[in-house]
Amino acid sequence: MPGQIRGALCEDAPFFASELVPMYGHSVRQGAGPLFELFRTYLGDQ
């Protein structure tokens, strides 16, 4: 409804979040890989 949203924050995802072999933290395979596998399993071949 009008007047309910007071603000919105839009930001770009960092480039290092999609690295296959980062210096520290999880790689994209560990973070998003399982999610993509679920998409493939339950949504099928798109």
PDB file of N, CA and C in Angstrom:
ATOM      1  N   MET A   1       0.841  -1.178   0.000  1.00  0.00           N
ATOM      2  CA  MET A   1       0.000   0.000   0.000  1.00  0.00           C
ATOM      3  C   MET A   1       0.888   1.242   0.000  1.00  0.00           C
ATOM      4  N   PRO A   2       0.430   2.312  -0.551  1.00  0.00           N
ATOM      5  CA  PRO A   2       1.221   3.533  -0.568  1.00  0.00           C
ATOM      6  C   PRO A   2       1.590   3.983   0.841  1.00  0.00           C
ATOM      7  N   GLY A   3       2.837   4.402   0.989  1.00  0.00           N
ATOM      8  CA  GLY A   3       3.311   4.905   2.259  1.00  0.00           C
ATOM      9  C   GLY A   3       3.903   3.858   3.182  1.00  0.00           C
ATOM     10  N   GLN A   4       3.848   2.576   2.821  1.00  0.00           N
ATOM     11  CA  GLN A   4       4.376   1.534   3.699  1.00  0.00           C
ATOM     12  C   GLN A   4       5.882   1.351   3.539  1.00  0.00           C
ATOM     13  N   ILE A   5       6.397   1.553   2.361  1.00  0.00           N
ATOM     14  CA  ILE A   5       7.835   1.395   2.131  1.00  0.00           C
ATOM     15  C   ILE A   5       8.519   2.719   2.441  1.00  0.00           C
ATOM     16  N   ARG A   6       9.459   2.663   3.386  1.00  0.00           N
ATOM     17  CA  ARG A   6      10.145   3.887   3.788  1.00  0.00           C
ATOM     18  C   ARG A   6      11.478   4.038   3.080  1.00  0.00           C
ATOM     19  N   GLY A   7      12.016   2.941   2.574  1.00  0.00           N
ATOM     20  CA  GLY A   7      13.296   3.020   1.885  1.00  0.00           C
ATOM     21  C   GLY A   7      13.661   1.675   1.289  1.00  0.00           C
ATOM     22  N   ALA A   8      14.592   1.688   0.374  1.00  0.00           N
ATOM     23  CA  ALA A   8      15.088   0.467  -0.254  1.00  0.00           C
ATOM     24  C   ALA A   8      16.598   0.597  -0.413  1.00  0.00           C
ATOM     25  N   LEU A   9      17.293  -0.492  -0.188  1.00  0.00           N
ATOM     26  CA  LEU A   9      18.739  -0.511  -0.328  1.00  0.00           C
ATOM     27  C   LEU A   9      19.092  -1.453  -1.470  1.00  0.00           C
ATOM     28  N   CYS A  10      19.705  -0.923  -2.495  1.00  0.00           N
ATOM     29  CA  CYS A  10      20.128  -1.719  -3.642  1.00  0.00           C
ATOM     30  C   CYS A  10      21.648  -1.697  -3.695  1.00  0.00           C
ATOM     31  N   GLU A  11      22.248  -2.877  -3.822  1.00  0.00           N
ATOM     32  CA  GLU A  11      23.701  -2.925  -3.898  1.00  0.00           C
ATOM     33  C   GLU A  11      24.128  -4.019  -4.854  1.00  0.00           C
ATOM     34  N   ASP A  12      25.315  -3.880  -5.394  1.00  0.00           N
ATOM     35  CA  ASP A  12      25.880  -4.886  -6.292  1.00  0.00           C
ATOM     36  C   ASP A  12      26.530  -5.982  -5.471  1.00  0.00           C
ATOM     37  N   ALA A  13      26.407  -7.194  -5.964  1.00  0.00           N
ATOM     38  CA  ALA A  13      27.102  -8.301  -5.297  1.00  0.00           C
ATOM     39  C   ALA A  13      28.602  -8.163  -5.549  1.00  0.00           C
ATOM     40  N   PRO A  14      29.432  -8.492  -4.572  1.00  0.00           N
ATOM     41  CA  PRO A  14      30.882  -8.374  -4.780  1.00  0.00           C
ATOM     42  C   PRO A  14      31.377  -9.403  -5.789  1.00  0.00           C
ATOM     43  N   PHE A  15      32.378  -9.020  -6.560  1.00  0.00           N
ATOM     44  CA  PHE A  15      32.920  -9.922  -7.570  1.00  0.00           C
ATOM     45  C   PHE A  15      33.547 -11.160  -6.952  1.00  0.00           C
ATOM     46  N   PHE A  16      34.165 -11.026  -5.773  1.00  0.00           N
ATOM     47  CA  PHE A  16      34.854 -12.155  -5.177  1.00  0.00           C
ATOM     48  C   PHE A  16      33.900 -13.249  -4.717  1.00  0.00           C
ATOM     49  N   ALA A  17      32.602 -12.962  -4.653  1.00  0.00           N
ATOM     50  CA  ALA A  17      31.634 -13.978  -4.230  1.00  0.00           C
ATOM     51  C   ALA A  17      31.466 -15.075  -5.274  1.00  0.00           C
ATOM     52  N   SER A  18      31.906 -14.831  -6.500  1.00  0.00           N
ATOM     53  CA  SER A  18      31.729 -15.827  -7.547  1.00  0.00           C
ATOM     54  C   SER A  18      33.039 -16.505  -7.947  1.00  0.00           C
ATOM     55  N   GLU A  19      34.092 -16.345  -7.157  1.00  0.00           N
ATOM     56  CA  GLU A  19      35.360 -16.983  -7.476  1.00  0.00           C
ATOM     57  C   GLU A  19      35.307 -18.472  -7.185  1.00  0.00           C
ATOM     58  N   LEU A  20      35.960 -19.259  -8.031  1.00  0.00           N
ATOM     59  CA  LEU A  20      36.006 -20.703  -7.823  1.00  0.00           C
ATOM     60  C   LEU A  20      36.995 -21.088  -6.736  1.00  0.00           C
ATOM     61  N   VAL A  21      38.123 -20.371  -6.657  1.00  0.00           N
ATOM     62  CA  VAL A  21      39.146 -20.671  -5.645  1.00  0.00           C
ATOM     63  C   VAL A  21      39.523 -19.366  -4.944  1.00  0.00           C
ATOM     64  N   PRO A  22      38.719 -18.927  -3.955  1.00  0.00           N
ATOM     65  CA  PRO A  22      39.037 -17.671  -3.271  1.00  0.00           C
ATOM     66  C   PRO A  22      40.170 -17.846  -2.265  1.00  0.00           C
ATOM     67  N   MET A  23      40.789 -16.744  -1.876  1.00  0.00           N
ATOM     68  CA  MET A  23      41.867 -16.798  -0.883  1.00  0.00           C
ATOM     69  C   MET A  23      41.320 -17.176   0.487  1.00  0.00           C
ATOM     70  N   TYR A  24      40.102 -16.797   0.776  1.00  0.00           N
ATOM     71  CA  TYR A  24      39.487 -17.133   2.063  1.00  0.00           C
ATOM     72  C   TYR A  24      37.975 -17.256   1.854  1.00  0.00           C
ATOM     73  N   GLY A  25      37.303 -17.936   2.742  1.00  0.00           N
ATOM     74  CA  GLY A  25      35.850 -18.094   2.655  1.00  0.00           C
ATOM     75  C   GLY A  25      35.454 -19.230   1.722  1.00  0.00           C
ATOM     76  N   HIS A  26      34.171 -19.325   1.482  1.00  0.00           N
ATOM     77  CA  HIS A  26      33.630 -20.395   0.653  1.00  0.00           C
ATOM     78  C   HIS A  26      33.681 -20.019  -0.818  1.00  0.00           C
ATOM     79  N   SER A  27      33.859 -21.028  -1.652  1.00  0.00           N
ATOM     80  CA  SER A  27      33.819 -20.786  -3.087  1.00  0.00           C
ATOM     81  C   SER A  27      32.365 -20.800  -3.544  1.00  0.00           C
ATOM     82  N   VAL A  28      32.147 -20.386  -4.779  1.00  0.00           N
ATOM     83  CA  VAL A  28      30.794 -20.378  -5.319  1.00  0.00           C
ATOM     84  C   VAL A  28      30.254 -21.808  -5.417  1.00  0.00           C
ATOM     85  N   ARG A  29      31.130 -22.782  -5.579  1.00  0.00           N
ATOM     86  CA  ARG A  29      30.684 -24.175  -5.632  1.00  0.00           C
ATOM     87  C   ARG A  29      30.104 -24.620  -4.293  1.00  0.00           C
ATOM     88  N   GLN A  30      30.674 -24.152  -3.188  1.00  0.00           N
ATOM     89  CA  GLN A  30      30.174 -24.536  -1.871  1.00  0.00           C
ATOM     90  C   GLN A  30      28.927 -23.754  -1.492  1.00  0.00           C
ATOM     91  N   GLY A  31      28.867 -22.507  -1.889  1.00  0.00           N
ATOM     92  CA  GLY A  31      27.743 -21.671  -1.499  1.00  0.00           C
ATOM     93  C   GLY A  31      26.523 -21.835  -2.373  1.00  0.00           C
ATOM     94  N   ALA A  32      26.693 -21.692  -3.670  1.00  0.00           N
ATOM     95  CA  ALA A  32      25.553 -21.718  -4.583  1.00  0.00           C
ATOM     96  C   ALA A  32      25.401 -23.058  -5.288  1.00  0.00           C
ATOM     97  N   GLY A  33      26.430 -23.875  -5.288  1.00  0.00           N
ATOM     98  CA  GLY A  33      26.370 -25.160  -5.979  1.00  0.00           C
ATOM     99  C   GLY A  33      25.220 -26.040  -5.525  1.00  0.00           C
ATOM    100  N   PRO A  34      25.055 -26.247  -4.204  1.00  0.00           N
ATOM    101  CA  PRO A  34      23.929 -27.066  -3.751  1.00  0.00           C
ATOM    102  C   PRO A  34      22.566 -26.472  -4.138  1.00  0.00           C
ATOM    103  N   LEU A  35      22.461 -25.149  -4.140  1.00  0.00           N
ATOM    104  CA  LEU A  35      21.212 -24.507  -4.541  1.00  0.00           C
ATOM    105  C   LEU A  35      20.924 -24.769  -6.013  1.00  0.00           C
ATOM    106  N   PHE A  36      21.957 -24.656  -6.856  1.00  0.00           N
ATOM    107  CA  PHE A  36      21.765 -24.925  -8.279  1.00  0.00           C
ATOM    108  C   PHE A  36      21.385 -26.385  -8.516  1.00  0.00           C
ATOM    109  N   GLU A  37      21.929 -27.283  -7.706  1.00  0.00           N
ATOM    110  CA  GLU A  37      21.578 -28.696  -7.827  1.00  0.00           C
ATOM    111  C   GLU A  37      20.102 -28.914  -7.487  1.00  0.00           C
ATOM    112  N   LEU A  38      19.620 -28.227  -6.449  1.00  0.00           N
ATOM    113  CA  LEU A  38      18.197 -28.329  -6.117  1.00  0.00           C
ATOM    114  C   LEU A  38      17.326 -27.767  -7.231  1.00  0.00           C
ATOM    115  N   PHE A  39      17.744 -26.651  -7.821  1.00  0.00           N
ATOM    116  CA  PHE A  39      16.992 -26.097  -8.950  1.00  0.00           C
ATOM    117  C   PHE A  39      16.910 -27.108 -10.084  1.00  0.00           C
ATOM    118  N   ARG A  40      18.032 -27.754 -10.390  1.00  0.00           N
ATOM    119  CA  ARG A  40      18.062 -28.728 -11.471  1.00  0.00           C
ATOM    120  C   ARG A  40      17.161 -29.913 -11.163  1.00  0.00           C
ATOM    121  N   THR A  41      17.187 -30.351  -9.894  1.00  0.00           N
ATOM    122  CA  THR A  41      16.418 -31.527  -9.511  1.00  0.00           C
ATOM    123  C   THR A  41      14.916 -31.248  -9.552  1.00  0.00           C
ATOM    124  N   TYR A  42      14.504 -30.129  -8.989  1.00  0.00           N
ATOM    125  CA  TYR A  42      13.081 -29.879  -8.825  1.00  0.00           C
ATOM    126  C   TYR A  42      12.447 -29.061  -9.948  1.00  0.00           C
ATOM    127  N   LEU A  43      13.221 -28.290 -10.679  1.00  0.00           N
ATOM    128  CA  LEU A  43      12.671 -27.512 -11.782  1.00  0.00           C
ATOM    129  C   LEU A  43      12.877 -28.186 -13.131  1.00  0.00           C
ATOM    130  N   GLY A  44      13.799 -29.125 -13.195  1.00  0.00           N
ATOM    131  CA  GLY A  44      14.052 -29.823 -14.437  1.00  0.00           C
ATOM    132  C   GLY A  44      14.930 -29.040 -15.388  1.00  0.00           C
ATOM    133  N   ASP A  45      15.068 -29.572 -16.574  1.00  0.00           N
ATOM    134  CA  ASP A  45      15.893 -28.934 -17.596  1.00  0.00           C
ATOM    135  C   ASP A  45      15.121 -27.762 -18.194  1.00  0.00           C
ATOM    136  N   GLN A  46      15.627 -26.575 -17.974  1.00  0.00           N
ATOM    137  CA  GLN A  46      14.917 -25.384 -18.447  1.00  0.00           C
ATOM    138  C   GLN A  46      15.380 -25.041 -19.834  1.00  0.00           C
TER     139      GLN A  46
END
